[in-house]
PDB file of N, CA and C in Angstrom:
ATOM      1  N   MET A   1      11.678  20.671  -6.382  1.00  0.00           N
ATOM      2  CA  MET A   1      10.734  19.829  -5.871  1.00  0.00           C
ATOM      3  C   MET A   1      10.087  19.045  -6.893  1.00  0.00           C
ATOM      4  N   SER A   2      10.552  17.867  -7.454  1.00  0.00           N
ATOM      5  CA  SER A   2       9.999  17.274  -8.525  1.00  0.00           C
ATOM      6  C   SER A   2      10.111  15.802  -8.514  1.00  0.00           C
ATOM      7  N   VAL A   3       9.215  15.165  -9.376  1.00  0.00           N
ATOM      8  CA  VAL A   3       9.296  13.795  -9.662  1.00  0.00           C
ATOM      9  C   VAL A   3       9.559  13.562 -10.987  1.00  0.00           C
ATOM     10  N   THR A   4      10.659  12.839 -11.376  1.00  0.00           N
ATOM     11  CA  THR A   4      11.088  12.684 -12.736  1.00  0.00           C
ATOM     12  C   THR A   4      11.009  11.205 -13.183  1.00  0.00           C
ATOM     13  N   PHE A   5      10.508  11.054 -14.416  1.00  0.00           N
ATOM     14  CA  PHE A   5      10.377   9.764 -15.005  1.00  0.00           C
ATOM     15  C   PHE A   5      11.173   9.715 -16.354  1.00  0.00           C
ATOM     16  N   GLN A   6      12.151   8.839 -16.239  1.00  0.00           N
ATOM     17  CA  GLN A   6      13.100   8.743 -17.481  1.00  0.00           C
ATOM     18  C   GLN A   6      12.235   7.685 -18.384  1.00  0.00           C
ATOM     19  N   THR A   7      12.174   8.225 -19.614  1.00  0.00           N
ATOM     20  CA  THR A   7      11.269   7.332 -20.551  1.00  0.00           C
ATOM     21  C   THR A   7      11.629   7.812 -22.079  1.00  0.00           C
ATOM     22  N   GLN A   8      11.487   6.818 -22.916  1.00  0.00           N
ATOM     23  CA  GLN A   8      11.836   7.018 -24.392  1.00  0.00           C
ATOM     24  C   GLN A   8      10.675   7.877 -25.006  1.00  0.00           C
ATOM     25  N   ASN A   9       9.551   7.783 -24.403  1.00  0.00           N
ATOM     26  CA  ASN A   9       8.375   8.590 -24.866  1.00  0.00           C
ATOM     27  C   ASN A   9       7.488   9.218 -23.800  1.00  0.00           C
ATOM     28  N   PRO A  10       7.988  10.419 -23.411  1.00  0.00           N
ATOM     29  CA  PRO A  10       7.329  11.123 -22.224  1.00  0.00           C
ATOM     30  C   PRO A  10       5.966  11.505 -22.505  1.00  0.00           C
ATOM     31  N   GLN A  11       5.717  11.842 -23.874  1.00  0.00           N
ATOM     32  CA  GLN A  11       4.283  12.206 -24.144  1.00  0.00           C
ATOM     33  C   GLN A  11       3.385  11.058 -24.106  1.00  0.00           C
ATOM     34  N   GLN A  12       3.792  10.018 -24.353  1.00  0.00           N
ATOM     35  CA  GLN A  12       3.004   8.720 -24.408  1.00  0.00           C
ATOM     36  C   GLN A  12       2.687   8.359 -22.755  1.00  0.00           C
ATOM     37  N   LEU A  13       3.683   8.564 -21.981  1.00  0.00           N
ATOM     38  CA  LEU A  13       3.322   8.385 -20.614  1.00  0.00           C
ATOM     39  C   LEU A  13       2.574   9.347 -19.928  1.00  0.00           C
ATOM     40  N   LEU A  14       2.618  10.650 -20.223  1.00  0.00           N
ATOM     41  CA  LEU A  14       1.709  11.609 -19.733  1.00  0.00           C
ATOM     42  C   LEU A  14       0.287  11.306 -20.426  1.00  0.00           C
ATOM     43  N   ASP A  15       0.137  11.060 -21.601  1.00  0.00           N
ATOM     44  CA  ASP A  15      -1.036  10.744 -22.115  1.00  0.00           C
ATOM     45  C   ASP A  15      -1.703   9.495 -21.483  1.00  0.00           C
ATOM     46  N   ALA A  16      -0.982   8.425 -21.124  1.00  0.00           N
ATOM     47  CA  ALA A  16      -1.467   7.380 -20.336  1.00  0.00           C
ATOM     48  C   ALA A  16      -1.973   7.588 -19.157  1.00  0.00           C
ATOM     49  N   PHE A  17      -1.294   8.608 -18.471  1.00  0.00           N
ATOM     50  CA  PHE A  17      -1.701   9.004 -17.063  1.00  0.00           C
ATOM     51  C   PHE A  17      -3.024   9.693 -17.204  1.00  0.00           C
ATOM     52  N   ASP A  18      -3.092  10.637 -18.051  1.00  0.00           N
ATOM     53  CA  ASP A  18      -4.327  11.690 -18.375  1.00  0.00           C
ATOM     54  C   ASP A  18      -5.493  10.623 -18.726  1.00  0.00           C
ATOM     55  N   ALA A  19      -5.248   9.629 -19.516  1.00  0.00           N
ATOM     56  CA  ALA A  19      -6.420   8.761 -20.040  1.00  0.00           C
ATOM     57  C   ALA A  19      -6.841   7.932 -18.720  1.00  0.00           C
ATOM     58  N   ALA A  20      -5.857   7.490 -17.956  1.00  0.00           N
ATOM     59  CA  ALA A  20      -6.445   6.745 -16.798  1.00  0.00           C
ATOM     60  C   ALA A  20      -7.206   7.583 -15.758  1.00  0.00           C
ATOM     61  N   ILE A  21      -6.708   8.935 -15.623  1.00  0.00           N
ATOM     62  CA  ILE A  21      -7.373   9.742 -14.739  1.00  0.00           C
ATOM     63  C   ILE A  21      -8.786   9.975 -15.318  1.00  0.00           C
ATOM     64  N   LEU A  22      -8.948  10.211 -16.470  1.00  0.00           N
ATOM     65  CA  LEU A  22     -10.300  10.360 -17.234  1.00  0.00           C
ATOM     66  C   LEU A  22     -11.059   9.077 -17.340  1.00  0.00           C
ATOM     67  N   LYS A  23     -10.571   8.000 -16.878  1.00  0.00           N
ATOM     68  CA  LYS A  23     -11.299   6.765 -17.014  1.00  0.00           C
ATOM     69  C   LYS A  23     -11.485   6.307 -18.396  1.00  0.00           C
ATOM     70  N   ARG A  24     -10.560   6.551 -19.323  1.00  0.00           N
ATOM     71  CA  ARG A  24     -10.686   6.121 -20.547  1.00  0.00           C
ATOM     72  C   ARG A  24      -9.645   4.904 -20.736  1.00  0.00           C
ATOM     73  N   GLU A  25      -8.703   4.623 -19.767  1.00  0.00           N
ATOM     74  CA  GLU A  25      -7.935   3.591 -19.888  1.00  0.00           C
ATOM     75  C   GLU A  25      -8.765   2.303 -19.548  1.00  0.00           C
ATOM     76  N   PRO A  26      -8.593   1.383 -20.466  1.00  0.00           N
ATOM     77  CA  PRO A  26      -9.444   0.061 -20.326  1.00  0.00           C
ATOM     78  C   PRO A  26      -8.877  -0.872 -19.278  1.00  0.00           C
ATOM     79  N   THR A  27      -7.527  -0.855 -19.006  1.00  0.00           N
ATOM     80  CA  THR A  27      -6.940  -1.728 -18.033  1.00  0.00           C
ATOM     81  C   THR A  27      -6.855  -1.343 -16.709  1.00  0.00           C
ATOM     82  N   GLY A  28      -7.038  -0.112 -16.395  1.00  0.00           N
ATOM     83  CA  GLY A  28      -6.853   0.353 -15.063  1.00  0.00           C
ATOM     84  C   GLY A  28      -7.219   1.832 -14.951  1.00  0.00           C
ATOM     85  N   LYS A  29      -8.227   2.130 -14.083  1.00  0.00           N
ATOM     86  CA  LYS A  29      -8.662   3.544 -13.717  1.00  0.00           C
ATOM     87  C   LYS A  29      -7.762   3.972 -12.506  1.00  0.00           C
ATOM     88  N   ILE A  30      -7.503   5.310 -12.650  1.00  0.00           N
ATOM     89  CA  ILE A  30      -6.808   5.945 -11.539  1.00  0.00           C
ATOM     90  C   ILE A  30      -7.801   6.984 -10.941  1.00  0.00           C
ATOM     91  N   VAL A  31      -8.144   6.603  -9.774  1.00  0.00           N
ATOM     92  CA  VAL A  31      -9.251   7.425  -9.022  1.00  0.00           C
ATOM     93  C   VAL A  31      -8.588   8.366  -8.003  1.00  0.00           C
ATOM     94  N   THR A  32      -7.313   8.199  -7.755  1.00  0.00           N
ATOM     95  CA  THR A  32      -6.643   8.985  -6.721  1.00  0.00           C
ATOM     96  C   THR A  32      -6.072  10.286  -7.088  1.00  0.00           C
ATOM     97  N   TRP A  33      -6.062  10.619  -8.414  1.00  0.00           N
ATOM     98  CA  TRP A  33      -5.595  11.764  -8.878  1.00  0.00           C
ATOM     99  C   TRP A  33      -6.635  12.404  -9.849  1.00  0.00           C
ATOM    100  N   VAL A  34      -6.676  13.727  -9.757  1.00  0.00           N
ATOM    101  CA  VAL A  34      -7.464  14.368 -10.822  1.00  0.00           C
ATOM    102  C   VAL A  34      -6.801  15.689 -11.449  1.00  0.00           C
ATOM    103  N   LYS A  35      -7.261  16.011 -12.522  1.00  0.00           N
ATOM    104  CA  LYS A  35      -6.803  17.251 -13.170  1.00  0.00           C
ATOM    105  C   LYS A  35      -7.522  18.369 -12.699  1.00  0.00           C
ATOM    106  N   HIS A  36      -6.920  19.472 -12.377  1.00  0.00           N
ATOM    107  CA  HIS A  36      -7.697  20.563 -11.505  1.00  0.00           C
ATOM    108  C   HIS A  36      -7.825  21.737 -12.330  1.00  0.00           C
ATOM    109  N   GLY A  37      -8.938  22.477 -12.248  1.00  0.00           N
ATOM    110  CA  GLY A  37      -9.038  23.785 -12.728  1.00  0.00           C
ATOM    111  C   GLY A  37      -8.706  23.955 -14.178  1.00  0.00           C
ATOM    112  N   ASP A  38      -7.630  24.429 -14.603  1.00  0.00           N
ATOM    113  CA  ASP A  38      -7.343  24.742 -15.951  1.00  0.00           C
ATOM    114  C   ASP A  38      -6.830  23.413 -16.765  1.00  0.00           C
ATOM    115  N   MET A  39      -6.951  22.209 -15.889  1.00  0.00           N
ATOM    116  CA  MET A  39      -6.701  20.891 -16.523  1.00  0.00           C
ATOM    117  C   MET A  39      -5.087  20.784 -16.855  1.00  0.00           C
ATOM    118  N   ILE A  40      -4.370  21.583 -16.193  1.00  0.00           N
ATOM    119  CA  ILE A  40      -2.873  21.391 -16.396  1.00  0.00           C
ATOM    120  C   ILE A  40      -2.273  21.113 -15.094  1.00  0.00           C
ATOM    121  N   HIS A  41      -2.922  21.169 -13.990  1.00  0.00           N
ATOM    122  CA  HIS A  41      -2.475  20.696 -12.699  1.00  0.00           C
ATOM    123  C   HIS A  41      -3.106  19.505 -12.157  1.00  0.00           C
ATOM    124  N   TYR A  42      -2.451  18.659 -11.375  1.00  0.00           N
ATOM    125  CA  TYR A  42      -2.839  17.470 -10.810  1.00  0.00           C
ATOM    126  C   TYR A  42      -2.959  17.588  -9.243  1.00  0.00           C
ATOM    127  N   THR A  43      -3.963  17.115  -8.741  1.00  0.00           N
ATOM    128  CA  THR A  43      -3.974  17.009  -7.195  1.00  0.00           C
ATOM    129  C   THR A  43      -4.470  15.720  -6.843  1.00  0.00           C
ATOM    130  N   HIS A  44      -4.461  15.277  -5.566  1.00  0.00           N
ATOM    131  CA  HIS A  44      -4.791  14.052  -5.078  1.00  0.00           C
ATOM    132  C   HIS A  44      -6.200  14.159  -4.581  1.00  0.00           C
ATOM    133  N   THR A  45      -6.960  13.031  -4.630  1.00  0.00           N
ATOM    134  CA  THR A  45      -8.441  13.070  -4.378  1.00  0.00           C
ATOM    135  C   THR A  45      -8.713  12.837  -2.951  1.00  0.00           C
ATOM    136  N   ALA A  46      -7.977  12.167  -2.171  1.00  0.00           N
ATOM    137  CA  ALA A  46      -8.378  11.845  -0.842  1.00  0.00           C
ATOM    138  C   ALA A  46      -8.541  13.148  -0.009  1.00  0.00           C
ATOM    139  N   PRO A  47      -9.538  13.149   0.847  1.00  0.00           N
ATOM    140  CA  PRO A  47      -9.988  14.296   1.428  1.00  0.00           C
ATOM    141  C   PRO A  47      -8.973  14.999   2.316  1.00  0.00           C
ATOM    142  N   GLN A  48      -8.111  14.318   2.932  1.00  0.00           N
ATOM    143  CA  GLN A  48      -6.995  14.814   3.754  1.00  0.00           C
ATOM    144  C   GLN A  48      -5.868  15.410   2.867  1.00  0.00           C
ATOM    145  N   TRP A  49      -5.767  15.041   1.595  1.00  0.00           N
ATOM    146  CA  TRP A  49      -4.689  15.506   0.878  1.00  0.00           C
ATOM    147  C   TRP A  49      -5.010  16.452  -0.371  1.00  0.00           C
ATOM    148  N   ARG A  50      -6.370  16.304  -0.784  1.00  0.00           N
ATOM    149  CA  ARG A  50      -6.871  17.150  -1.794  1.00  0.00           C
ATOM    150  C   ARG A  50      -6.542  18.691  -1.654  1.00  0.00           C
ATOM    151  N   TYR A  51      -6.023  19.305  -2.610  1.00  0.00           N
ATOM    152  CA  TYR A  51      -5.717  20.686  -2.695  1.00  0.00           C
ATOM    153  C   TYR A  51      -4.537  21.134  -1.788  1.00  0.00           C
ATOM    154  N   LYS A  52      -3.771  20.157  -1.156  1.00  0.00           N
ATOM    155  CA  LYS A  52      -2.747  20.545  -0.195  1.00  0.00           C
ATOM    156  C   LYS A  52      -1.457  20.810  -1.111  1.00  0.00           C
ATOM    157  N   ALA A  53      -1.501  20.321  -2.350  1.00  0.00           N
ATOM    158  CA  ALA A  53      -0.528  20.811  -3.330  1.00  0.00           C
ATOM    159  C   ALA A  53      -0.973  20.378  -4.680  1.00  0.00           C
ATOM    160  N   TYR A  54      -0.226  20.838  -5.771  1.00  0.00           N
ATOM    161  CA  TYR A  54      -0.518  20.491  -7.089  1.00  0.00           C
ATOM    162  C   TYR A  54       0.642  20.207  -7.791  1.00  0.00           C
ATOM    163  N   PHE A  55       0.617  19.284  -8.796  1.00  0.00           N
ATOM    164  CA  PHE A  55       1.764  19.128  -9.702  1.00  0.00           C
ATOM    165  C   PHE A  55       1.419  19.614 -11.077  1.00  0.00           C
ATOM    166  N   THR A  56       2.457  20.039 -11.673  1.00  0.00           N
ATOM    167  CA  THR A  56       2.379  20.514 -13.156  1.00  0.00           C
ATOM    168  C   THR A  56       3.428  19.706 -13.751  1.00  0.00           C
ATOM    169  N   ALA A  57       3.134  19.252 -15.079  1.00  0.00           N
ATOM    170  CA  ALA A  57       3.963  18.349 -15.776  1.00  0.00           C
ATOM    171  C   ALA A  57       4.788  19.070 -16.987  1.00  0.00           C
ATOM    172  N   THR A  58       5.988  18.653 -17.121  1.00  0.00           N
ATOM    173  CA  THR A  58       6.688  19.157 -18.285  1.00  0.00           C
ATOM    174  C   THR A  58       7.456  17.944 -19.003  1.00  0.00           C
ATOM    175  N   ILE A  59       7.658  18.156 -20.223  1.00  0.00           N
ATOM    176  CA  ILE A  59       8.323  17.136 -20.982  1.00  0.00           C
ATOM    177  C   ILE A  59       9.486  17.475 -21.722  1.00  0.00           C
ATOM    178  N   THR A  60      10.556  16.723 -21.561  1.00  0.00           N
ATOM    179  CA  THR A  60      11.765  16.840 -22.394  1.00  0.00           C
ATOM    180  C   THR A  60      12.055  15.786 -23.263  1.00  0.00           C
ATOM    181  N   ALA A  61      13.102  15.758 -23.919  1.00  0.00           N
ATOM    182  CA  ALA A  61      13.418  14.683 -24.835  1.00  0.00           C
ATOM    183  C   ALA A  61      13.318  13.183 -24.263  1.00  0.00           C
ATOM    184  N   ALA A  62      13.695  13.099 -22.993  1.00  0.00           N
ATOM    185  CA  ALA A  62      13.835  11.835 -22.434  1.00  0.00           C
ATOM    186  C   ALA A  62      13.196  11.645 -20.968  1.00  0.00           C
ATOM    187  N   GLU A  63      12.473  12.776 -20.608  1.00  0.00           N
ATOM    188  CA  GLU A  63      11.870  12.792 -19.285  1.00  0.00           C
ATOM    189  C   GLU A  63      10.519  13.299 -19.163  1.00  0.00           C
ATOM    190  N   LEU A  64       9.727  12.903 -18.261  1.00  0.00           N
ATOM    191  CA  LEU A  64       8.508  13.462 -17.887  1.00  0.00           C
ATOM    192  C   LEU A  64       8.720  13.921 -16.383  1.00  0.00           C
ATOM    193  N   LYS A  65       8.582  15.263 -16.194  1.00  0.00           N
ATOM    194  CA  LYS A  65       8.817  15.734 -14.863  1.00  0.00           C
ATOM    195  C   LYS A  65       7.484  16.437 -14.370  1.00  0.00           C
ATOM    196  N   PHE A  66       7.246  16.084 -13.022  1.00  0.00           N
ATOM    197  CA  PHE A  66       6.195  16.705 -12.335  1.00  0.00           C
ATOM    198  C   PHE A  66       6.806  17.551 -11.213  1.00  0.00           C
ATOM    199  N   CYS A  67       6.541  18.852 -11.272  1.00  0.00           N
ATOM    200  CA  CYS A  67       6.938  19.732 -10.253  1.00  0.00           C
ATOM    201  C   CYS A  67       5.765  20.053  -9.266  1.00  0.00           C
ATOM    202  N   ILE A  68       6.020  20.125  -8.084  1.00  0.00           N
ATOM    203  CA  ILE A  68       5.037  20.438  -7.119  1.00  0.00           C
ATOM    204  C   ILE A  68       4.841  21.975  -6.858  1.00  0.00           C
ATOM    205  N   ILE A  69       3.671  22.475  -6.877  1.00  0.00           N
ATOM    206  CA  ILE A  69       3.484  23.833  -6.702  1.00  0.00           C
ATOM    207  C   ILE A  69       2.637  23.929  -5.448  1.00  0.00           C
ATOM    208  N   ARG A  70       2.721  25.010  -4.820  1.00  0.00           N
ATOM    209  CA  ARG A  70       1.921  25.135  -3.560  1.00  0.00           C
ATOM    210  C   ARG A  70       0.582  25.785  -3.843  1.00  0.00           C
ATOM    211  N   ASN A  71      -0.285  25.724  -2.945  1.00  0.00           N
ATOM    212  CA  ASN A  71      -1.632  26.170  -2.969  1.00  0.00           C
ATOM    213  C   ASN A  71      -1.641  27.581  -2.531  1.00  0.00           C
ATOM    214  N   LYS A  72      -1.738  28.417  -3.558  1.00  0.00           N
ATOM    215  CA  LYS A  72      -1.862  29.998  -3.314  1.00  0.00           C
ATOM    216  C   LYS A  72      -0.708  30.406  -2.491  1.00  0.00           C
ATOM    217  N   ASP A  73      -0.990  30.890  -1.318  1.00  0.00           N
ATOM    218  CA  ASP A  73       0.070  31.521  -0.367  1.00  0.00           C
ATOM    219  C   ASP A  73       0.420  30.538   0.703  1.00  0.00           C
ATOM    220  N   VAL A  74       0.005  29.408   0.567  1.00  0.00           N
ATOM    221  CA  VAL A  74       0.269  28.395   1.641  1.00  0.00           C
ATOM    222  C   VAL A  74       1.360  27.522   1.298  1.00  0.00           C
ATOM    223  N   ALA A  75       2.488  27.340   1.987  1.00  0.00           N
ATOM    224  CA  ALA A  75       3.598  26.391   1.844  1.00  0.00           C
ATOM    225  C   ALA A  75       3.026  24.974   1.841  1.00  0.00           C
ATOM    226  N   VAL A  76       3.693  24.199   1.120  1.00  0.00           N
ATOM    227  CA  VAL A  76       3.384  22.765   1.131  1.00  0.00           C
ATOM    228  C   VAL A  76       4.148  22.216   2.360  1.00  0.00           C
ATOM    229  N   SER A  77       3.391  21.463   3.184  1.00  0.00           N
ATOM    230  CA  SER A  77       4.028  20.879   4.357  1.00  0.00           C
ATOM    231  C   SER A  77       4.947  19.749   3.939  1.00  0.00           C
ATOM    232  N   THR A  78       5.886  19.486   4.853  1.00  0.00           N
ATOM    233  CA  THR A  78       6.928  18.354   4.554  1.00  0.00           C
ATOM    234  C   THR A  78       6.036  17.012   4.301  1.00  0.00           C
ATOM    235  N   ILE A  79       4.999  16.903   5.251  1.00  0.00           N
ATOM    236  CA  ILE A  79       4.253  15.591   5.078  1.00  0.00           C
ATOM    237  C   ILE A  79       3.375  15.658   3.721  1.00  0.00           C
ATOM    238  N   ALA A  80       2.786  16.666   3.337  1.00  0.00           N
ATOM    239  CA  ALA A  80       2.126  16.708   2.084  1.00  0.00           C
ATOM    240  C   ALA A  80       3.097  16.477   0.866  1.00  0.00           C
ATOM    241  N   TYR A  81       4.373  17.114   0.955  1.00  0.00           N
ATOM    242  CA  TYR A  81       5.395  17.017  -0.068  1.00  0.00           C
ATOM    243  C   TYR A  81       5.693  15.513  -0.170  1.00  0.00           C
ATOM    244  N   SER A  82       5.953  14.848   0.825  1.00  0.00           N
ATOM    245  CA  SER A  82       6.344  13.359   0.786  1.00  0.00           C
ATOM    246  C   SER A  82       5.246  12.559   0.401  1.00  0.00           C
ATOM    247  N   PHE A  83       4.055  12.792   0.682  1.00  0.00           N
ATOM    248  CA  PHE A  83       2.882  11.953   0.302  1.00  0.00           C
ATOM    249  C   PHE A  83       2.647  12.193  -1.220  1.00  0.00           C
ATOM    250  N   TYR A  84       2.571  13.428  -1.608  1.00  0.00           N
ATOM    251  CA  TYR A  84       2.402  13.554  -3.105  1.00  0.00           C
ATOM    252  C   TYR A  84       3.452  12.962  -3.908  1.00  0.00           C
ATOM    253  N   HIS A  85       4.737  13.168  -3.508  1.00  0.00           N
ATOM    254  CA  HIS A  85       5.830  12.514  -4.413  1.00  0.00           C
ATOM    255  C   HIS A  85       5.837  10.929  -4.317  1.00  0.00           C
ATOM    256  N   GLY A  86       5.587  10.500  -3.066  1.00  0.00           N
ATOM    257  CA  GLY A  86       5.571   9.047  -2.942  1.00  0.00           C
ATOM    258  C   GLY A  86       4.464   8.331  -3.767  1.00  0.00           C
ATOM    259  N   HIS A  87       3.237   9.014  -3.521  1.00  0.00           N
ATOM    260  CA  HIS A  87       2.053   8.376  -4.179  1.00  0.00           C
ATOM    261  C   HIS A  87       2.091   8.573  -5.704  1.00  0.00           C
ATOM    262  N   LEU A  88       2.682   9.620  -6.187  1.00  0.00           N
ATOM    263  CA  LEU A  88       2.710   9.714  -7.588  1.00  0.00           C
ATOM    264  C   LEU A  88       3.786   8.735  -8.140  1.00  0.00           C
ATOM    265  N   ILE A  89       4.780   8.411  -7.531  1.00  0.00           N
ATOM    266  CA  ILE A  89       5.721   7.409  -7.970  1.00  0.00           C
ATOM    267  C   ILE A  89       4.946   6.051  -7.900  1.00  0.00           C
ATOM    268  N   GLN A  90       4.326   5.761  -6.827  1.00  0.00           N
ATOM    269  CA  GLN A  90       3.608   4.528  -6.587  1.00  0.00           C
ATOM    270  C   GLN A  90       2.457   4.300  -7.772  1.00  0.00           C
ATOM    271  N   THR A  91       1.763   5.273  -8.085  1.00  0.00           N
ATOM    272  CA  THR A  91       0.725   5.186  -9.107  1.00  0.00           C
ATOM    273  C   THR A  91       1.379   4.912 -10.378  1.00  0.00           C
ATOM    274  N   PHE A  92       2.470   5.493 -10.767  1.00  0.00           N
ATOM    275  CA  PHE A  92       3.191   5.217 -11.986  1.00  0.00           C
ATOM    276  C   PHE A  92       3.718   3.719 -12.093  1.00  0.00           C
ATOM    277  N   LEU A  93       4.246   3.298 -10.918  1.00  0.00           N
ATOM    278  CA  LEU A  93       4.785   1.876 -10.881  1.00  0.00           C
ATOM    279  C   LEU A  93       3.555   0.946 -10.857  1.00  0.00           C
ATOM    280  N   ASP A  94       2.438   1.227 -10.361  1.00  0.00           N
ATOM    281  CA  ASP A  94       1.266   0.353 -10.362  1.00  0.00           C
ATOM    282  C   ASP A  94       0.737   0.234 -11.750  1.00  0.00           C
ATOM    283  N   HIS A  95       0.714   1.498 -12.526  1.00  0.00           N
ATOM    284  CA  HIS A  95      -0.006   1.462 -13.829  1.00  0.00           C
ATOM    285  C   HIS A  95       0.860   1.587 -15.037  1.00  0.00           C
ATOM    286  N   PHE A  96       2.113   2.129 -14.981  1.00  0.00           N
ATOM    287  CA  PHE A  96       2.717   2.327 -16.245  1.00  0.00           C
ATOM    288  C   PHE A  96       4.217   1.993 -16.131  1.00  0.00           C
ATOM    289  N   ASP A  97       4.416   0.888 -15.387  1.00  0.00           N
ATOM    290  CA  ASP A  97       5.937   0.515 -15.188  1.00  0.00           C
ATOM    291  C   ASP A  97       6.554  -0.094 -16.558  1.00  0.00           C
ATOM    292  N   GLN A  98       5.803  -0.218 -17.613  1.00  0.00           N
ATOM    293  CA  GLN A  98       6.318  -0.655 -18.873  1.00  0.00           C
ATOM    294  C   GLN A  98       6.765   0.653 -19.707  1.00  0.00           C
ATOM    295  N   LEU A  99       6.356   1.699 -19.167  1.00  0.00           N
ATOM    296  CA  LEU A  99       6.587   2.935 -19.968  1.00  0.00           C
ATOM    297  C   LEU A  99       7.662   3.884 -19.629  1.00  0.00           C
ATOM    298  N   PHE A 100       8.342   3.486 -18.488  1.00  0.00           N
ATOM    299  CA  PHE A 100       9.493   4.267 -17.939  1.00  0.00           C
ATOM    300  C   PHE A 100      10.629   3.361 -17.349  1.00  0.00           C
ATOM    301  N   SER A 101      11.759   3.826 -17.371  1.00  0.00           N
ATOM    302  CA  SER A 101      12.831   3.088 -16.822  1.00  0.00           C
ATOM    303  C   SER A 101      13.131   3.405 -15.474  1.00  0.00           C
ATOM    304  N   VAL A 102      13.303   4.632 -15.018  1.00  0.00           N
ATOM    305  CA  VAL A 102      13.603   5.265 -13.694  1.00  0.00           C
ATOM    306  C   VAL A 102      12.677   6.230 -13.306  1.00  0.00           C
ATOM    307  N   ALA A 103      12.351   6.165 -11.954  1.00  0.00           N
ATOM    308  CA  ALA A 103      11.579   7.231 -11.345  1.00  0.00           C
ATOM    309  C   ALA A 103      12.405   7.786 -10.262  1.00  0.00           C
ATOM    310  N   SER A 104      12.407   9.089 -10.017  1.00  0.00           N
ATOM    311  CA  SER A 104      13.200   9.732  -8.860  1.00  0.00           C
ATOM    312  C   SER A 104      12.416  10.913  -8.341  1.00  0.00           C
ATOM    313  N   ALA A 105      12.682  11.267  -7.089  1.00  0.00           N
ATOM    314  CA  ALA A 105      12.058  12.414  -6.468  1.00  0.00           C
ATOM    315  C   ALA A 105      13.212  13.240  -5.803  1.00  0.00           C
ATOM    316  N   SER A 106      13.136  14.433  -5.842  1.00  0.00           N
ATOM    317  CA  SER A 106      14.051  15.292  -5.152  1.00  0.00           C
ATOM    318  C   SER A 106      13.577  15.382  -3.773  1.00  0.00           C
ATOM    319  N   ALA A 107      14.627  15.314  -2.761  1.00  0.00           N
ATOM    320  CA  ALA A 107      14.273  15.488  -1.391  1.00  0.00           C
ATOM    321  C   ALA A 107      14.137  16.933  -1.004  1.00  0.00           C
ATOM    322  N   MET A 108      14.733  17.844  -1.536  1.00  0.00           N
ATOM    323  CA  MET A 108      14.686  19.298  -1.332  1.00  0.00           C
ATOM    324  C   MET A 108      14.710  20.011  -2.583  1.00  0.00           C
ATOM    325  N   PRO A 109      14.089  21.183  -2.558  1.00  0.00           N
ATOM    326  CA  PRO A 109      14.043  22.029  -3.944  1.00  0.00           C
ATOM    327  C   PRO A 109      15.531  22.183  -4.412  1.00  0.00           C
ATOM    328  N   THR A 110      15.640  22.087  -5.700  1.00  0.00           N
ATOM    329  CA  THR A 110      17.002  22.427  -6.422  1.00  0.00           C
ATOM    330  C   THR A 110      16.619  23.218  -7.485  1.00  0.00           C
ATOM    331  N   SER A 111      17.809  23.770  -8.012  1.00  0.00           N
ATOM    332  CA  SER A 111      17.535  24.665  -9.282  1.00  0.00           C
ATOM    333  C   SER A 111      17.070  24.050 -10.438  1.00  0.00           C
ATOM    334  N   GLY A 112      17.307  22.741 -10.525  1.00  0.00           N
ATOM    335  CA  GLY A 112      16.708  21.992 -11.718  1.00  0.00           C
ATOM    336  C   GLY A 112      15.233  21.546 -11.586  1.00  0.00           C
ATOM    337  N   ASP A 113      14.592  21.975 -10.395  1.00  0.00           N
ATOM    338  CA  ASP A 113      13.249  21.540 -10.196  1.00  0.00           C
ATOM    339  C   ASP A 113      12.217  22.283 -10.833  1.00  0.00           C
ATOM    340  N   ARG A 114      12.631  23.377 -11.583  1.00  0.00           N
ATOM    341  CA  ARG A 114      11.672  24.279 -12.183  1.00  0.00           C
ATOM    342  C   ARG A 114      11.014  23.596 -13.371  1.00  0.00           C
ATOM    343  N   CYS A 115       9.675  23.866 -13.333  1.00  0.00           N
ATOM    344  CA  CYS A 115       8.814  23.353 -14.507  1.00  0.00           C
ATOM    345  C   CYS A 115       8.468  24.455 -15.420  1.00  0.00           C
ATOM    346  N   ASN A 116       9.285  24.675 -16.347  1.00  0.00           N
ATOM    347  CA  ASN A 116       8.930  25.751 -17.247  1.00  0.00           C
ATOM    348  C   ASN A 116       8.676  25.358 -18.724  1.00  0.00           C
TER     349      ASN A 116
END
């Protein structure tokens, strides 16, 4: 269960996202996502979606991948899954479209969705 951004500089893309969340980005602030707890997980801020799931990010040579993780012992609902994935892609298209070439989301969990 992941969202993947193909990019030549995945660390730059993640840093831009983090800066916009922390409102350091001069051209656009992101208020719909927050870093949570240990500051390595991301959750949505809308009351109906907050804490329904979390994303964790990993970087490879050409990808920034966000894997969804569930909230403790509660499974992520199909609706929350689709909202989180769709909204993360929308956020990146709105703010960082020059920093990646392709965004994709898995429809169902696959073996390649692990963020380790």
